[in-house]
Amino acid sequence: LGRRVAVLIRREYLRLVTDEAPAESLLASLTAIESVAAGLEPSWDARFADLLSGPQALELIVEVAHDLRSPLTSILFLAETLKRGRSGPITPLQERQLGLIYSAAFGLSSVASDVIELVRGGERLFGSEVMPFSIAEITESVRDIVLPIVEEKGLEIRVAHHDLGTRTGQPVALSRILLNLTTNALKFTDTGYVELAATRVSSTGVEFAVTDTGRGIPADALAMLFEPFRRRRRAGEYAFSGSGLGLSICRRLIEAMGGELAVRTSAGRGTRFSFVLDLPLAGDPSGFPEITQSVT
């Protein structure tokens, strides 16, 4: 409305001005009118900052994340359809490119889901239902998802699971943890390999580890490694992700299942993230792993 009023004022001024009016006076008046019009324009950066600091800030973040997740889901579906050749034959190069598209869209969709769940208090991060699952199938699935990234970077992906049988636990949460850790390892590894391993450490205990031959984590970055929504202090500084959501999600999920996320790192030699979960063999009458719902 303010812009419209300024336009009307300028139009009426030009209609009333006489031919004898000095050019300098005419230019000064028009400049003044334009300055008023510019001042009436809304300051969108200030408006956005007000929204983010207001009482509806969290809901705004959730809505943006939802808006991102919907088209990303469509991209995932289309990429998978094309990759499987359901729309016609594709070349090996196109198959690899579609794999990269799928991996990127999957990663973005996961970030959007992380934002939504953390903003809402994290209740949806932890389901109480346990079910039988194959550790081998989970690790192989994670490998298949990241394989396009591995090939693009010229790395090696290793998967090791040693006759662990069918276990009882939360396969969806476990898949999410391992995918997050593996994707991050690939991000900070330029040469060598990333290994995803599952090893039995007791009758019901299984250790999961993601090891890379990347740059390692600087000592000054370890203190803030698990903090969500952190900011890097300078360009090139180590960060699990730009927002810090990924590792925070991993730790919450692991703690909810009774484990603890550990990290061992060496500058220039690599990093190892590991955790142990109590996963009874399917059909074992000794009980099920306890799921902790309240996580700080």
Protein backbone atom coordinates (compact mmCIF):
# COMPACT_ATOMS: atom_id res chain seq x y z
CA LEU A 1 0.00 0.00 0.00
CA GLY A 2 2.81 2.39 0.85
CA ARG A 3 4.50 1.72 -2.46
CA ARG A 4 1.22 2.33 -4.29
CA VAL A 5 0.72 5.67 -2.51
CA ALA A 6 4.24 6.74 -3.49
CA VAL A 7 3.52 5.89 -7.13
CA LEU A 8 0.33 7.97 -7.06
CA ILE A 9 2.17 10.91 -5.49
CA ARG A 10 4.85 10.79 -8.17
CA ARG A 11 2.27 10.58 -10.94
CA GLU A 12 0.30 13.56 -9.59
CA TYR A 13 3.49 15.58 -9.11
CA LEU A 14 4.51 15.00 -12.72
CA ARG A 15 1.03 15.98 -13.90
CA LEU A 16 1.11 19.26 -12.04
CA VAL A 17 4.69 20.27 -12.77
CA THR A 18 5.04 23.07 -15.32
CA ASP A 19 7.45 23.29 -18.20
CA GLU A 20 9.11 26.25 -16.51
CA ALA A 21 10.10 24.20 -13.44
CA PRO A 22 13.90 24.08 -13.04
CA ALA A 23 15.38 20.69 -13.91
CA GLU A 24 17.35 20.61 -10.67
CA SER A 25 14.19 21.14 -8.63
CA LEU A 26 12.32 18.47 -10.59
CA LEU A 27 15.13 15.93 -10.12
CA ALA A 28 15.40 16.68 -6.39
CA SER A 29 11.65 16.23 -5.91
CA LEU A 30 11.57 12.93 -7.80
CA THR A 31 14.58 11.70 -5.85
CA ALA A 32 12.83 12.55 -2.60
CA ILE A 33 9.69 10.70 -3.68
CA GLU A 34 11.76 7.64 -4.59
CA SER A 35 13.50 7.78 -1.21
CA VAL A 36 10.12 7.77 0.55
CA ALA A 37 8.98 4.85 -1.63
CA ALA A 38 12.11 2.88 -0.79
CA GLY A 39 11.59 3.58 2.92
CA LEU A 40 8.06 2.23 2.70
CA GLU A 41 9.25 -1.08 1.25
CA PRO A 42 9.06 -3.84 3.85
CA SER A 43 12.38 -5.01 5.31
CA TRP A 44 12.07 -8.72 4.65
CA ASP A 45 15.28 -9.66 6.42
CA ALA A 46 14.13 -7.88 9.58
CA ARG A 47 10.67 -9.42 9.23
CA PHE A 48 12.15 -12.89 8.88
CA ALA A 49 14.38 -12.33 11.90
CA ASP A 50 11.33 -11.28 13.94
CA LEU A 51 9.50 -14.44 12.91
CA LEU A 52 12.42 -16.65 13.88
CA SER A 53 12.70 -15.01 17.30
CA GLY A 54 8.94 -14.91 17.94
CA PRO A 55 6.58 -17.40 19.60
CA GLN A 56 5.82 -19.11 16.26
CA ALA A 57 9.49 -19.65 15.34
CA LEU A 58 9.54 -23.40 15.92
CA GLU A 59 6.37 -23.98 13.94
CA LEU A 60 7.81 -21.94 11.08
CA ILE A 61 10.90 -24.16 11.05
CA VAL A 62 8.70 -27.27 11.02
CA GLU A 63 6.65 -25.93 8.10
CA VAL A 64 9.79 -25.18 6.08
CA ALA A 65 11.12 -28.67 6.79
CA HIS A 66 7.80 -30.19 5.71
CA ASP A 67 7.89 -28.15 2.50
CA LEU A 68 11.37 -29.51 1.79
CA ARG A 69 10.56 -33.12 2.59
CA SER A 70 7.56 -33.44 0.26
CA PRO A 71 9.38 -32.72 -3.04
CA LEU A 72 12.40 -34.68 -1.84
CA THR A 73 10.19 -37.73 -1.37
CA SER A 74 9.04 -37.36 -4.97
CA ILE A 75 12.66 -37.11 -6.14
CA LEU A 76 13.52 -40.31 -4.25
CA PHE A 77 10.61 -42.16 -5.84
CA LEU A 78 11.40 -40.96 -9.36
CA ALA A 79 15.13 -41.66 -9.05
CA GLU A 80 14.44 -45.18 -7.79
CA THR A 81 11.93 -45.79 -10.59
CA LEU A 82 14.36 -44.63 -13.28
CA LYS A 83 17.30 -46.51 -11.76
CA ARG A 84 15.36 -49.81 -11.84
CA GLY A 85 14.64 -49.29 -15.54
CA ARG A 86 10.87 -49.13 -15.14
CA SER A 87 10.71 -46.21 -17.57
CA GLY A 88 13.05 -47.82 -20.10
CA PRO A 89 16.67 -48.96 -20.30
CA ILE A 90 19.44 -46.71 -18.95
CA THR A 91 23.19 -46.68 -19.42
CA PRO A 92 25.66 -47.54 -16.62
CA LEU A 93 26.62 -43.85 -16.39
CA GLN A 94 22.98 -42.80 -16.01
CA GLU A 95 22.49 -45.48 -13.36
CA ARG A 96 25.42 -44.07 -11.37
CA GLN A 97 24.13 -40.52 -11.73
CA LEU A 98 20.67 -41.57 -10.58
CA GLY A 99 22.31 -43.23 -7.59
CA LEU A 100 23.96 -39.93 -6.68
CA ILE A 101 20.64 -38.11 -7.03
CA TYR A 102 18.99 -40.68 -4.77
CA SER A 103 21.73 -40.46 -2.13
CA ALA A 104 21.64 -36.66 -2.09
CA ALA A 105 17.84 -36.50 -1.86
CA PHE A 106 17.83 -39.16 0.85
CA GLY A 107 20.33 -37.16 2.88
CA LEU A 108 18.33 -33.95 2.56
CA SER A 109 15.10 -35.72 3.45
CA SER A 110 16.76 -37.14 6.57
CA VAL A 111 17.91 -33.67 7.63
CA ALA A 112 14.36 -32.32 7.20
CA SER A 113 13.03 -35.19 9.33
CA ASP A 114 15.68 -34.55 11.99
CA VAL A 115 14.69 -30.88 12.20
CA ILE A 116 11.00 -31.70 12.57
CA GLU A 117 11.57 -34.29 15.27
CA LEU A 118 14.06 -32.25 17.31
CA VAL A 119 11.86 -29.15 17.22
CA ARG A 120 8.93 -31.22 18.48
CA GLY A 121 10.97 -32.47 21.41
CA GLY A 122 12.29 -35.67 19.92
CA GLU A 123 9.29 -37.83 20.84
CA ARG A 124 9.17 -39.42 17.40
CA LEU A 125 12.83 -40.34 17.46
CA PHE A 126 12.23 -43.23 19.78
CA GLY A 127 9.69 -45.94 19.12
CA SER A 128 8.98 -48.48 21.84
CA GLU A 129 8.17 -51.38 19.49
CA VAL A 130 10.89 -53.98 18.98
CA MET A 131 10.97 -56.55 16.20
CA PRO A 132 13.20 -59.22 14.68
CA PHE A 133 15.67 -58.07 12.05
CA SER A 134 18.83 -59.06 10.23
CA ILE A 135 21.95 -57.03 11.00
CA ALA A 136 23.44 -58.22 7.73
CA GLU A 137 20.50 -56.80 5.76
CA ILE A 138 20.79 -53.44 7.52
CA THR A 139 24.51 -53.04 6.90
CA GLU A 140 24.17 -54.13 3.27
CA SER A 141 21.31 -51.66 2.80
CA VAL A 142 23.42 -48.81 4.17
CA ARG A 143 26.22 -49.79 1.81
CA ASP A 144 23.87 -49.80 -1.18
CA ILE A 145 22.60 -46.31 -0.35
CA VAL A 146 26.07 -44.74 -0.06
CA LEU A 147 27.68 -46.74 -2.87
CA PRO A 148 27.21 -43.99 -5.51
CA ILE A 149 29.07 -41.54 -3.23
CA VAL A 150 31.83 -44.10 -2.65
CA GLU A 151 32.30 -44.65 -6.39
CA GLU A 152 32.22 -40.93 -7.14
CA LYS A 153 35.03 -40.26 -4.62
CA GLY A 154 37.06 -43.28 -5.66
CA LEU A 155 36.94 -44.83 -2.19
CA GLU A 156 36.32 -48.33 -0.88
CA ILE A 157 33.37 -49.29 1.30
CA ARG A 158 33.87 -52.32 3.56
CA VAL A 159 31.09 -54.15 5.38
CA ALA A 160 31.77 -56.78 8.06
CA HIS A 161 29.10 -58.68 9.95
CA HIS A 162 30.06 -61.96 11.59
CA ASP A 163 27.27 -64.55 11.78
CA LEU A 164 25.08 -62.50 14.11
CA GLY A 165 21.82 -64.19 13.17
CA THR A 166 18.40 -62.59 13.57
CA ARG A 167 18.26 -60.12 16.45
CA THR A 168 15.47 -58.29 18.26
CA GLY A 169 15.53 -54.52 18.51
CA GLN A 170 14.73 -51.35 16.56
CA PRO A 171 15.98 -51.78 12.98
CA VAL A 172 14.71 -48.40 11.70
CA ALA A 173 16.59 -46.45 14.36
CA LEU A 174 19.70 -48.58 13.89
CA SER A 175 19.64 -48.04 10.12
CA ARG A 176 19.36 -44.31 10.64
CA ILE A 177 22.34 -44.24 12.99
CA LEU A 178 24.59 -46.29 10.73
CA LEU A 179 23.62 -44.31 7.63
CA ASN A 180 24.36 -41.01 9.37
CA LEU A 181 27.74 -42.19 10.63
CA THR A 182 28.72 -43.75 7.30
CA THR A 183 27.71 -40.70 5.27
CA ASN A 184 29.72 -38.46 7.57
CA ALA A 185 32.76 -40.74 7.32
CA LEU A 186 32.60 -40.51 3.54
CA LYS A 187 32.32 -36.74 3.73
CA PHE A 188 35.66 -36.41 5.52
CA THR A 189 37.55 -39.18 3.71
CA ASP A 190 39.36 -38.39 0.47
CA THR A 191 41.51 -41.51 0.13
CA GLY A 192 41.33 -45.03 1.49
CA TYR A 193 38.18 -46.64 2.80
CA VAL A 194 35.20 -46.51 5.14
CA GLU A 195 34.32 -49.65 7.06
CA LEU A 196 30.99 -50.52 8.64
CA ALA A 197 31.34 -53.43 11.06
CA ALA A 198 29.09 -55.34 13.46
CA THR A 199 30.73 -57.68 15.98
CA ARG A 200 29.32 -59.83 18.77
CA VAL A 201 30.83 -58.88 22.13
CA SER A 202 28.59 -61.01 24.37
CA SER A 203 25.63 -63.36 24.09
CA THR A 204 23.30 -60.42 23.43
CA GLY A 205 25.70 -57.50 22.97
CA VAL A 206 26.66 -56.31 19.49
CA GLU A 207 29.22 -53.60 18.79
CA PHE A 208 28.68 -51.42 15.73
CA ALA A 209 31.58 -49.37 14.41
CA VAL A 210 32.12 -47.00 11.48
CA THR A 211 35.81 -46.45 10.76
CA ASP A 212 37.37 -44.18 8.14
CA THR A 213 40.83 -43.23 6.91
CA GLY A 214 39.97 -39.53 6.73
CA ARG A 215 41.44 -36.41 8.21
CA GLY A 216 40.51 -37.10 11.82
CA ILE A 217 38.81 -34.71 14.24
CA PRO A 218 40.82 -31.84 15.80
CA ALA A 219 40.91 -31.81 19.59
CA ASP A 220 39.20 -28.41 19.79
CA ALA A 221 36.22 -29.75 17.79
CA LEU A 222 35.59 -32.73 20.08
CA ALA A 223 34.11 -30.63 22.89
CA MET A 224 31.20 -29.43 20.71
CA LEU A 225 30.87 -32.53 18.55
CA PHE A 226 27.49 -33.60 19.93
CA GLU A 227 25.82 -30.17 20.08
CA PRO A 228 22.93 -29.55 17.65
CA PHE A 229 22.59 -26.26 15.77
CA ARG A 230 26.19 -25.33 16.43
CA ARG A 231 28.09 -23.03 14.10
CA ARG A 232 31.58 -23.50 12.76
CA ARG A 233 33.88 -20.74 13.94
CA ARG A 234 35.95 -20.55 10.76
CA ALA A 235 36.00 -21.87 7.23
CA GLY A 236 37.22 -25.43 6.88
CA GLU A 237 36.67 -26.27 10.54
CA TYR A 238 35.50 -29.81 11.23
CA ALA A 239 31.76 -30.21 11.70
CA PHE A 240 29.72 -33.40 11.50
CA SER A 241 27.20 -31.37 9.50
CA GLY A 242 26.52 -27.70 8.99
CA SER A 243 23.75 -27.75 11.59
CA GLY A 244 25.24 -30.42 13.85
CA LEU A 245 21.98 -32.36 13.74
CA GLY A 246 23.29 -35.69 12.47
CA LEU A 247 25.54 -36.66 15.35
CA SER A 248 23.11 -35.31 17.94
CA ILE A 249 20.40 -37.54 16.45
CA CYS A 250 22.74 -40.54 16.50
CA ARG A 251 23.64 -40.06 20.15
CA ARG A 252 20.01 -39.62 21.19
CA LEU A 253 18.92 -42.77 19.40
CA ILE A 254 21.79 -44.82 20.80
CA GLU A 255 21.18 -43.62 24.35
CA ALA A 256 17.47 -44.34 23.98
CA MET A 257 18.40 -47.96 23.19
CA GLY A 258 20.70 -48.22 26.19
CA GLY A 259 24.03 -47.64 24.45
CA GLU A 260 26.69 -44.95 24.40
CA LEU A 261 28.33 -43.41 21.35
CA ALA A 262 32.13 -43.36 21.57
CA VAL A 263 34.64 -41.73 19.26
CA ARG A 264 38.33 -42.41 18.73
CA THR A 265 40.26 -40.23 16.32
CA SER A 266 43.79 -39.53 15.13
CA ALA A 267 44.77 -36.48 13.11
CA GLY A 268 45.52 -37.45 9.52
CA ARG A 269 44.79 -41.13 10.13
CA GLY A 270 41.04 -41.39 10.60
CA THR A 271 38.15 -41.69 13.01
CA ARG A 272 36.14 -44.51 14.56
CA PHE A 273 32.61 -44.08 15.93
CA SER A 274 31.31 -47.08 17.88
CA PHE A 275 28.54 -48.18 20.23
CA VAL A 276 27.27 -51.40 21.81
CA LEU A 277 23.60 -52.40 21.90
CA ASP A 278 21.87 -55.20 23.75
CA LEU A 279 20.16 -57.16 20.95
CA PRO A 280 18.86 -60.58 22.00
CA LEU A 281 18.56 -63.31 19.40
CA ALA A 282 15.06 -63.47 17.94
CA GLY A 283 12.99 -65.96 19.90
CA ASP A 284 15.23 -65.74 22.97
CA PRO A 285 12.91 -65.92 26.01
CA SER A 286 15.38 -64.03 28.20
CA GLY A 287 13.80 -60.70 27.37
CA PHE A 288 13.97 -57.69 25.13
CA PRO A 289 16.15 -54.59 25.22
CA GLU A 290 14.67 -51.78 27.26
CA ILE A 291 13.80 -48.62 25.36
CA THR A 292 14.31 -45.36 27.23
CA GLN A 293 11.76 -42.74 26.20
CA SER A 294 12.94 -39.60 28.01
CA VAL A 295 16.25 -38.42 26.60
CA THR A 296 17.77 -35.02 27.35
